[in-house]
Amino acid sequence: MLNAYLENTLAYNSSLCNGCGLCVTVCPHGVFEMDGRHAKLVDSHACMECGACQKNCITRAITVDSGVGCASAMIQAALKGQKEPTCAGEDT
């Protein structure tokens, strides 16, 4: 089971959100949800820093350093043949 990644590089500026909802659609962990006409950051600790939200945010309301954190841990574990990567910032 993946551990929660407690520190990450995700930053969200809601004042730049145009309400397109793409971040909600592409996020594999439900970090965002729609709140009326704007996205709302609901669980930043669930972010695995894959970068999908940032790549799809045309207003640049979302920034994240993709390739670090949980996504990186999962890739490294797969490359090393490990079955259960950790996303708690520990070396896998």
PDB file of N, CA and C in Angstrom:
ATOM      1  N   MET A   1       0.836  -1.178   0.000  1.00  0.00           N
ATOM      2  CA  MET A   1       0.000   0.000   0.000  1.00  0.00           C
ATOM      3  C   MET A   1       0.883   1.244   0.000  1.00  0.00           C
ATOM      4  N   LEU A   2       0.496   2.246  -0.767  1.00  0.00           N
ATOM      5  CA  LEU A   2       1.264   3.477  -0.841  1.00  0.00           C
ATOM      6  C   LEU A   2       0.998   4.345   0.377  1.00  0.00           C
ATOM      7  N   ASN A   3       2.060   4.880   0.949  1.00  0.00           N
ATOM      8  CA  ASN A   3       1.913   5.801   2.066  1.00  0.00           C
ATOM      9  C   ASN A   3       1.599   7.185   1.540  1.00  0.00           C
ATOM     10  N   ALA A   4       0.938   8.007   2.327  1.00  0.00           N
ATOM     11  CA  ALA A   4       0.661   9.383   1.917  1.00  0.00           C
ATOM     12  C   ALA A   4       1.975  10.141   1.807  1.00  0.00           C
ATOM     13  N   TYR A   5       2.079  10.932   0.778  1.00  0.00           N
ATOM     14  CA  TYR A   5       3.268  11.756   0.586  1.00  0.00           C
ATOM     15  C   TYR A   5       2.982  13.086   1.267  1.00  0.00           C
ATOM     16  N   LEU A   6       3.583  13.327   2.426  1.00  0.00           N
ATOM     17  CA  LEU A   6       3.195  14.437   3.284  1.00  0.00           C
ATOM     18  C   LEU A   6       3.723  15.790   2.846  1.00  0.00           C
ATOM     19  N   GLU A   7       4.794  15.830   2.083  1.00  0.00           N
ATOM     20  CA  GLU A   7       5.318  17.093   1.590  1.00  0.00           C
ATOM     21  C   GLU A   7       5.449  16.984   0.091  1.00  0.00           C
ATOM     22  N   ASN A   8       4.961  17.988  -0.623  1.00  0.00           N
ATOM     23  CA  ASN A   8       5.095  17.963  -2.071  1.00  0.00           C
ATOM     24  C   ASN A   8       5.241  19.384  -2.604  1.00  0.00           C
ATOM     25  N   THR A   9       5.383  19.488  -3.896  1.00  0.00           N
ATOM     26  CA  THR A   9       5.649  20.778  -4.525  1.00  0.00           C
ATOM     27  C   THR A   9       4.405  21.402  -5.138  1.00  0.00           C
ATOM     28  N   LEU A  10       3.249  20.816  -4.922  1.00  0.00           N
ATOM     29  CA  LEU A  10       2.009  21.321  -5.495  1.00  0.00           C
ATOM     30  C   LEU A  10       1.660  22.698  -4.952  1.00  0.00           C
ATOM     31  N   ALA A  11       1.373  23.625  -5.858  1.00  0.00           N
ATOM     32  CA  ALA A  11       0.898  24.959  -5.475  1.00  0.00           C
ATOM     33  C   ALA A  11      -0.284  25.306  -6.369  1.00  0.00           C
ATOM     34  N   TYR A  12      -1.321  25.895  -5.783  1.00  0.00           N
ATOM     35  CA  TYR A  12      -2.541  26.227  -6.528  1.00  0.00           C
ATOM     36  C   TYR A  12      -2.963  27.648  -6.199  1.00  0.00           C
ATOM     37  N   ASN A  13      -3.146  28.463  -7.241  1.00  0.00           N
ATOM     38  CA  ASN A  13      -3.608  29.838  -7.092  1.00  0.00           C
ATOM     39  C   ASN A  13      -5.032  29.895  -7.622  1.00  0.00           C
ATOM     40  N   SER A  14      -6.002  29.795  -6.740  1.00  0.00           N
ATOM     41  CA  SER A  14      -7.406  29.723  -7.145  1.00  0.00           C
ATOM     42  C   SER A  14      -7.877  30.973  -7.882  1.00  0.00           C
ATOM     43  N   SER A  15      -7.224  32.101  -7.667  1.00  0.00           N
ATOM     44  CA  SER A  15      -7.634  33.327  -8.352  1.00  0.00           C
ATOM     45  C   SER A  15      -7.349  33.275  -9.853  1.00  0.00           C
ATOM     46  N   LEU A  16      -6.484  32.362 -10.286  1.00  0.00           N
ATOM     47  CA  LEU A  16      -6.184  32.213 -11.706  1.00  0.00           C
ATOM     48  C   LEU A  16      -7.063  31.164 -12.394  1.00  0.00           C
ATOM     49  N   CYS A  17      -7.829  30.414 -11.621  1.00  0.00           N
ATOM     50  CA  CYS A  17      -8.648  29.332 -12.160  1.00  0.00           C
ATOM     51  C   CYS A  17      -9.764  29.880 -13.047  1.00  0.00           C
ATOM     52  N   ASN A  18      -9.916  29.274 -14.247  1.00  0.00           N
ATOM     53  CA  ASN A  18     -11.001  29.673 -15.145  1.00  0.00           C
ATOM     54  C   ASN A  18     -12.177  28.701 -15.087  1.00  0.00           C
ATOM     55  N   GLY A  19     -12.094  27.682 -14.261  1.00  0.00           N
ATOM     56  CA  GLY A  19     -13.200  26.749 -14.067  1.00  0.00           C
ATOM     57  C   GLY A  19     -13.352  25.694 -15.137  1.00  0.00           C
ATOM     58  N   CYS A  20     -12.307  25.427 -15.917  1.00  0.00           N
ATOM     59  CA  CYS A  20     -12.414  24.437 -17.001  1.00  0.00           C
ATOM     60  C   CYS A  20     -12.596  23.015 -16.469  1.00  0.00           C
ATOM     61  N   GLY A  21     -12.079  22.719 -15.283  1.00  0.00           N
ATOM     62  CA  GLY A  21     -12.240  21.411 -14.669  1.00  0.00           C
ATOM     63  C   GLY A  21     -11.273  20.343 -15.149  1.00  0.00           C
ATOM     64  N   LEU A  22     -10.306  20.699 -15.984  1.00  0.00           N
ATOM     65  CA  LEU A  22      -9.368  19.695 -16.471  1.00  0.00           C
ATOM     66  C   LEU A  22      -8.525  19.095 -15.350  1.00  0.00           C
ATOM     67  N   CYS A  23      -8.177  19.883 -14.351  1.00  0.00           N
ATOM     68  CA  CYS A  23      -7.393  19.346 -13.231  1.00  0.00           C
ATOM     69  C   CYS A  23      -8.158  18.241 -12.514  1.00  0.00           C
ATOM     70  N   VAL A  24      -9.454  18.426 -12.376  1.00  0.00           N
ATOM     71  CA  VAL A  24     -10.300  17.423 -11.729  1.00  0.00           C
ATOM     72  C   VAL A  24     -10.334  16.151 -12.574  1.00  0.00           C
ATOM     73  N   THR A  25     -10.423  16.329 -13.875  1.00  0.00           N
ATOM     74  CA  THR A  25     -10.515  15.204 -14.802  1.00  0.00           C
ATOM     75  C   THR A  25      -9.233  14.391 -14.866  1.00  0.00           C
ATOM     76  N   VAL A  26      -8.077  15.056 -14.899  1.00  0.00           N
ATOM     77  CA  VAL A  26      -6.819  14.337 -15.125  1.00  0.00           C
ATOM     78  C   VAL A  26      -6.134  13.849 -13.862  1.00  0.00           C
ATOM     79  N   CYS A  27      -6.500  14.359 -12.706  1.00  0.00           N
ATOM     80  CA  CYS A  27      -5.829  13.960 -11.467  1.00  0.00           C
ATOM     81  C   CYS A  27      -6.218  12.539 -11.073  1.00  0.00           C
ATOM     82  N   PRO A  28      -5.236  11.648 -10.963  1.00  0.00           N
ATOM     83  CA  PRO A  28      -5.553  10.254 -10.619  1.00  0.00           C
ATOM     84  C   PRO A  28      -5.894  10.033  -9.147  1.00  0.00           C
ATOM     85  N   HIS A  29      -5.718  11.065  -8.300  1.00  0.00           N
ATOM     86  CA  HIS A  29      -5.939  10.876  -6.863  1.00  0.00           C
ATOM     87  C   HIS A  29      -6.953  11.827  -6.246  1.00  0.00           C
ATOM     88  N   GLY A  30      -7.741  12.514  -7.054  1.00  0.00           N
ATOM     89  CA  GLY A  30      -8.803  13.365  -6.522  1.00  0.00           C
ATOM     90  C   GLY A  30      -8.314  14.540  -5.693  1.00  0.00           C
ATOM     91  N   VAL A  31      -7.200  15.111  -6.082  1.00  0.00           N
ATOM     92  CA  VAL A  31      -6.636  16.248  -5.352  1.00  0.00           C
ATOM     93  C   VAL A  31      -7.531  17.487  -5.502  1.00  0.00           C
ATOM     94  N   PHE A  32      -8.179  17.598  -6.647  1.00  0.00           N
ATOM     95  CA  PHE A  32      -9.057  18.739  -6.924  1.00  0.00           C
ATOM     96  C   PHE A  32     -10.489  18.272  -7.118  1.00  0.00           C
ATOM     97  N   GLU A  33     -11.438  19.167  -6.844  1.00  0.00           N
ATOM     98  CA  GLU A  33     -12.832  18.941  -7.197  1.00  0.00           C
ATOM     99  C   GLU A  33     -13.433  20.289  -7.556  1.00  0.00           C
ATOM    100  N   MET A  34     -14.504  20.255  -8.305  1.00  0.00           N
ATOM    101  CA  MET A  34     -15.149  21.505  -8.684  1.00  0.00           C
ATOM    102  C   MET A  34     -15.983  22.018  -7.524  1.00  0.00           C
ATOM    103  N   ASP A  35     -15.928  23.317  -7.332  1.00  0.00           N
ATOM    104  CA  ASP A  35     -16.704  24.008  -6.307  1.00  0.00           C
ATOM    105  C   ASP A  35     -17.377  25.178  -7.010  1.00  0.00           C
ATOM    106  N   GLY A  36     -18.544  24.908  -7.533  1.00  0.00           N
ATOM    107  CA  GLY A  36     -19.200  25.927  -8.346  1.00  0.00           C
ATOM    108  C   GLY A  36     -18.472  26.068  -9.671  1.00  0.00           C
ATOM    109  N   ARG A  37     -18.004  27.262  -9.962  1.00  0.00           N
ATOM    110  CA  ARG A  37     -17.353  27.534 -11.244  1.00  0.00           C
ATOM    111  C   ARG A  37     -15.832  27.522 -11.167  1.00  0.00           C
ATOM    112  N   HIS A  38     -15.278  27.049 -10.062  1.00  0.00           N
ATOM    113  CA  HIS A  38     -13.826  26.994  -9.916  1.00  0.00           C
ATOM    114  C   HIS A  38     -13.402  25.671  -9.286  1.00  0.00           C
ATOM    115  N   ALA A  39     -12.178  25.298  -9.562  1.00  0.00           N
ATOM    116  CA  ALA A  39     -11.620  24.100  -8.932  1.00  0.00           C
ATOM    117  C   ALA A  39     -11.230  24.439  -7.502  1.00  0.00           C
ATOM    118  N   LYS A  40     -11.299  23.442  -6.668  1.00  0.00           N
ATOM    119  CA  LYS A  40     -10.927  23.592  -5.271  1.00  0.00           C
ATOM    120  C   LYS A  40      -9.904  22.514  -4.944  1.00  0.00           C
ATOM    121  N   LEU A  41      -8.846  22.900  -4.277  1.00  0.00           N
ATOM    122  CA  LEU A  41      -7.829  21.955  -3.813  1.00  0.00           C
ATOM    123  C   LEU A  41      -8.372  21.296  -2.555  1.00  0.00           C
ATOM    124  N   VAL A  42      -8.660  19.992  -2.636  1.00  0.00           N
ATOM    125  CA  VAL A  42      -9.303  19.317  -1.507  1.00  0.00           C
ATOM    126  C   VAL A  42      -8.387  18.356  -0.747  1.00  0.00           C
ATOM    127  N   ASP A  43      -7.321  17.882  -1.384  1.00  0.00           N
ATOM    128  CA  ASP A  43      -6.441  16.937  -0.695  1.00  0.00           C
ATOM    129  C   ASP A  43      -5.027  17.019  -1.265  1.00  0.00           C
ATOM    130  N   SER A  44      -4.305  18.048  -0.880  1.00  0.00           N
ATOM    131  CA  SER A  44      -2.959  18.253  -1.425  1.00  0.00           C
ATOM    132  C   SER A  44      -2.010  17.115  -1.057  1.00  0.00           C
ATOM    133  N   HIS A  45      -2.251  16.461   0.072  1.00  0.00           N
ATOM    134  CA  HIS A  45      -1.374  15.354   0.485  1.00  0.00           C
ATOM    135  C   HIS A  45      -1.527  14.120  -0.394  1.00  0.00           C
ATOM    136  N   ALA A  46      -2.602  14.047  -1.161  1.00  0.00           N
ATOM    137  CA  ALA A  46      -2.792  12.918  -2.069  1.00  0.00           C
ATOM    138  C   ALA A  46      -2.036  13.111  -3.382  1.00  0.00           C
ATOM    139  N   CYS A  47      -1.477  14.293  -3.589  1.00  0.00           N
ATOM    140  CA  CYS A  47      -0.764  14.584  -4.833  1.00  0.00           C
ATOM    141  C   CYS A  47       0.475  13.718  -4.965  1.00  0.00           C
ATOM    142  N   MET A  48       0.602  13.029  -6.110  1.00  0.00           N
ATOM    143  CA  MET A  48       1.775  12.202  -6.361  1.00  0.00           C
ATOM    144  C   MET A  48       2.765  12.897  -7.296  1.00  0.00           C
ATOM    145  N   GLU A  49       2.518  14.158  -7.593  1.00  0.00           N
ATOM    146  CA  GLU A  49       3.404  14.998  -8.398  1.00  0.00           C
ATOM    147  C   GLU A  49       3.652  14.428  -9.790  1.00  0.00           C
ATOM    148  N   CYS A  50       2.595  13.930 -10.413  1.00  0.00           N
ATOM    149  CA  CYS A  50       2.727  13.406 -11.774  1.00  0.00           C
ATOM    150  C   CYS A  50       2.788  14.526 -12.802  1.00  0.00           C
ATOM    151  N   GLY A  51       2.224  15.682 -12.475  1.00  0.00           N
ATOM    152  CA  GLY A  51       2.279  16.844 -13.354  1.00  0.00           C
ATOM    153  C   GLY A  51       1.117  16.980 -14.314  1.00  0.00           C
ATOM    154  N   ALA A  52       0.171  16.053 -14.294  1.00  0.00           N
ATOM    155  CA  ALA A  52      -0.951  16.101 -15.230  1.00  0.00           C
ATOM    156  C   ALA A  52      -1.790  17.368 -15.058  1.00  0.00           C
ATOM    157  N   CYS A  53      -2.019  17.771 -13.835  1.00  0.00           N
ATOM    158  CA  CYS A  53      -2.832  18.968 -13.597  1.00  0.00           C
ATOM    159  C   CYS A  53      -2.152  20.210 -14.163  1.00  0.00           C
ATOM    160  N   GLN A  54      -0.869  20.351 -13.900  1.00  0.00           N
ATOM    161  CA  GLN A  54      -0.132  21.519 -14.393  1.00  0.00           C
ATOM    162  C   GLN A  54      -0.104  21.545 -15.919  1.00  0.00           C
ATOM    163  N   LYS A  55       0.122  20.412 -16.539  1.00  0.00           N
ATOM    164  CA  LYS A  55       0.199  20.355 -18.000  1.00  0.00           C
ATOM    165  C   LYS A  55      -1.131  20.722 -18.647  1.00  0.00           C
ATOM    166  N   ASN A  56      -2.235  20.497 -17.963  1.00  0.00           N
ATOM    167  CA  ASN A  56      -3.555  20.772 -18.518  1.00  0.00           C
ATOM    168  C   ASN A  56      -4.157  22.090 -18.058  1.00  0.00           C
ATOM    169  N   CYS A  57      -3.462  22.830 -17.205  1.00  0.00           N
ATOM    170  CA  CYS A  57      -3.979  24.095 -16.693  1.00  0.00           C
ATOM    171  C   CYS A  57      -3.498  25.246 -17.585  1.00  0.00           C
ATOM    172  N   ILE A  58      -4.387  25.726 -18.459  1.00  0.00           N
ATOM    173  CA  ILE A  58      -3.989  26.763 -19.413  1.00  0.00           C
ATOM    174  C   ILE A  58      -3.791  28.126 -18.767  1.00  0.00           C
ATOM    175  N   THR A  59      -4.328  28.322 -17.571  1.00  0.00           N
ATOM    176  CA  THR A  59      -4.164  29.613 -16.886  1.00  0.00           C
ATOM    177  C   THR A  59      -2.964  29.626 -15.945  1.00  0.00           C
ATOM    178  N   ARG A  60      -2.281  28.494 -15.840  1.00  0.00           N
ATOM    179  CA  ARG A  60      -1.110  28.334 -14.963  1.00  0.00           C
ATOM    180  C   ARG A  60      -1.441  28.578 -13.484  1.00  0.00           C
ATOM    181  N   ALA A  61      -2.643  28.172 -13.103  1.00  0.00           N
ATOM    182  CA  ALA A  61      -3.056  28.286 -11.707  1.00  0.00           C
ATOM    183  C   ALA A  61      -2.398  27.202 -10.853  1.00  0.00           C
ATOM    184  N   ILE A  62      -1.884  26.165 -11.501  1.00  0.00           N
ATOM    185  CA  ILE A  62      -1.302  25.027 -10.790  1.00  0.00           C
ATOM    186  C   ILE A  62       0.157  24.869 -11.194  1.00  0.00           C
ATOM    187  N   THR A  63       0.999  24.710 -10.190  1.00  0.00           N
ATOM    188  CA  THR A  63       2.394  24.373 -10.446  1.00  0.00           C
ATOM    189  C   THR A  63       2.773  23.185  -9.578  1.00  0.00           C
ATOM    190  N   VAL A  64       3.612  22.340 -10.137  1.00  0.00           N
ATOM    191  CA  VAL A  64       4.108  21.169  -9.412  1.00  0.00           C
ATOM    192  C   VAL A  64       5.373  20.694 -10.117  1.00  0.00           C
ATOM    193  N   ASP A  65       6.334  20.262  -9.354  1.00  0.00           N
ATOM    194  CA  ASP A  65       7.556  19.705  -9.930  1.00  0.00           C
ATOM    195  C   ASP A  65       7.301  18.236 -10.230  1.00  0.00           C
ATOM    196  N   SER A  66       6.953  17.949 -11.475  1.00  0.00           N
ATOM    197  CA  SER A  66       6.665  16.557 -11.817  1.00  0.00           C
ATOM    198  C   SER A  66       7.949  15.738 -11.847  1.00  0.00           C
ATOM    199  N   GLY A  67       7.793  14.456 -11.587  1.00  0.00           N
ATOM    200  CA  GLY A  67       8.937  13.541 -11.573  1.00  0.00           C
ATOM    201  C   GLY A  67       9.610  13.433 -10.229  1.00  0.00           C
ATOM    202  N   VAL A  68       9.013  14.014  -9.225  1.00  0.00           N
ATOM    203  CA  VAL A  68       9.529  13.894  -7.858  1.00  0.00           C
ATOM    204  C   VAL A  68       8.439  13.271  -7.005  1.00  0.00           C
ATOM    205  N   GLY A  69       8.723  12.989  -5.784  1.00  0.00           N
ATOM    206  CA  GLY A  69       7.701  12.501  -4.871  1.00  0.00           C
ATOM    207  C   GLY A  69       7.179  11.121  -5.198  1.00  0.00           C
ATOM    208  N   CYS A  70       5.888  10.938  -5.040  1.00  0.00           N
ATOM    209  CA  CYS A  70       5.264   9.626  -5.157  1.00  0.00           C
ATOM    210  C   CYS A  70       5.385   9.050  -6.561  1.00  0.00           C
ATOM    211  N   ALA A  71       5.177   9.863  -7.575  1.00  0.00           N
ATOM    212  CA  ALA A  71       5.292   9.363  -8.946  1.00  0.00           C
ATOM    213  C   ALA A  71       6.701   8.833  -9.186  1.00  0.00           C
ATOM    214  N   SER A  72       7.683   9.566  -8.730  1.00  0.00           N
ATOM    215  CA  SER A  72       9.065   9.136  -8.874  1.00  0.00           C
ATOM    216  C   SER A  72       9.317   7.844  -8.099  1.00  0.00           C
ATOM    217  N   ALA A  73       8.789   7.745  -6.898  1.00  0.00           N
ATOM    218  CA  ALA A  73       8.962   6.543  -6.079  1.00  0.00           C
ATOM    219  C   ALA A  73       8.352   5.331  -6.769  1.00  0.00           C
ATOM    220  N   MET A  74       7.198   5.508  -7.389  1.00  0.00           N
ATOM    221  CA  MET A  74       6.547   4.405  -8.086  1.00  0.00           C
ATOM    222  C   MET A  74       7.368   3.957  -9.289  1.00  0.00           C
ATOM    223  N   ILE A  75       7.906   4.899 -10.043  1.00  0.00           N
ATOM    224  CA  ILE A  75       8.729   4.567 -11.208  1.00  0.00           C
ATOM    225  C   ILE A  75      10.001   3.851 -10.766  1.00  0.00           C
ATOM    226  N   GLN A  76      10.663   4.386  -9.743  1.00  0.00           N
ATOM    227  CA  GLN A  76      11.899   3.777  -9.251  1.00  0.00           C
ATOM    228  C   GLN A  76      11.646   2.364  -8.727  1.00  0.00           C
ATOM    229  N   ALA A  77      10.546   2.178  -8.026  1.00  0.00           N
ATOM    230  CA  ALA A  77      10.225   0.851  -7.501  1.00  0.00           C
ATOM    231  C   ALA A  77       9.986  -0.139  -8.638  1.00  0.00           C
ATOM    232  N   ALA A  78       9.288   0.313  -9.682  1.00  0.00           N
ATOM    233  CA  ALA A  78       9.035  -0.556 -10.826  1.00  0.00           C
ATOM    234  C   ALA A  78      10.343  -0.938 -11.513  1.00  0.00           C
ATOM    235  N   LEU A  79      11.232   0.028 -11.649  1.00  0.00           N
ATOM    236  CA  LEU A  79      12.521  -0.243 -12.284  1.00  0.00           C
ATOM    237  C   LEU A  79      13.382  -1.198 -11.456  1.00  0.00           C
ATOM    238  N   LYS A  80      13.242  -1.127 -10.142  1.00  0.00           N
ATOM    239  CA  LYS A  80      14.028  -1.972  -9.249  1.00  0.00           C
ATOM    240  C   LYS A  80      13.334  -3.290  -8.917  1.00  0.00           C
ATOM    241  N   GLY A  81      12.113  -3.471  -9.424  1.00  0.00           N
ATOM    242  CA  GLY A  81      11.384  -4.702  -9.167  1.00  0.00           C
ATOM    243  C   GLY A  81      10.762  -4.781  -7.786  1.00  0.00           C
ATOM    244  N   GLN A  82      10.604  -3.657  -7.123  1.00  0.00           N
ATOM    245  CA  GLN A  82       9.981  -3.640  -5.797  1.00  0.00           C
ATOM    246  C   GLN A  82       8.470  -3.659  -5.951  1.00  0.00           C
ATOM    247  N   LYS A  83       7.805  -4.359  -5.044  1.00  0.00           N
ATOM    248  CA  LYS A  83       6.361  -4.500  -5.143  1.00  0.00           C
ATOM    249  C   LYS A  83       5.593  -3.367  -4.471  1.00  0.00           C
ATOM    250  N   GLU A  84       6.130  -2.801  -3.409  1.00  0.00           N
ATOM    251  CA  GLU A  84       5.398  -1.773  -2.668  1.00  0.00           C
ATOM    252  C   GLU A  84       6.260  -0.534  -2.453  1.00  0.00           C
ATOM    253  N   PRO A  85       6.176   0.437  -3.374  1.00  0.00           N
ATOM    254  CA  PRO A  85       6.949   1.663  -3.188  1.00  0.00           C
ATOM    255  C   PRO A  85       6.380   2.495  -2.045  1.00  0.00           C
ATOM    256  N   THR A  86       7.208   3.295  -1.454  1.00  0.00           N
ATOM    257  CA  THR A  86       6.735   4.214  -0.423  1.00  0.00           C
ATOM    258  C   THR A  86       6.706   5.611  -1.000  1.00  0.00           C
ATOM    259  N   CYS A  87       5.724   6.385  -0.612  1.00  0.00           N
ATOM    260  CA  CYS A  87       5.597   7.759  -1.081  1.00  0.00           C
ATOM    261  C   CYS A  87       5.811   8.728   0.077  1.00  0.00           C
ATOM    262  N   ALA A  88       6.420   8.273   1.118  1.00  0.00           N
ATOM    263  CA  ALA A  88       6.600   9.112   2.298  1.00  0.00           C
ATOM    264  C   ALA A  88       7.937   9.844   2.291  1.00  0.00           C
ATOM    265  N   GLY A  89       8.531   9.983   1.126  1.00  0.00           N
ATOM    266  CA  GLY A  89       9.800  10.683   1.022  1.00  0.00           C
ATOM    267  C   GLY A  89      10.991   9.856   1.408  1.00  0.00           C
ATOM    268  N   GLU A  90      10.791   8.570   1.623  1.00  0.00           N
ATOM    269  CA  GLU A  90      11.870   7.664   1.989  1.00  0.00           C
ATOM    270  C   GLU A  90      12.476   7.090   0.726  1.00  0.00           C
ATOM    271  N   ASP A  91      13.714   6.726   0.797  1.00  0.00           N
ATOM    272  CA  ASP A  91      14.385   6.099  -0.343  1.00  0.00           C
ATOM    273  C   ASP A  91      13.848   4.686  -0.505  1.00  0.00           C
ATOM    274  N   THR A  92      13.428   4.343  -1.735  1.00  0.00           N
ATOM    275  CA  THR A  92      12.878   3.006  -1.978  1.00  0.00           C
ATOM    276  C   THR A  92      13.926   2.039  -2.418  1.00  0.00           C
TER     277      THR A  92
END
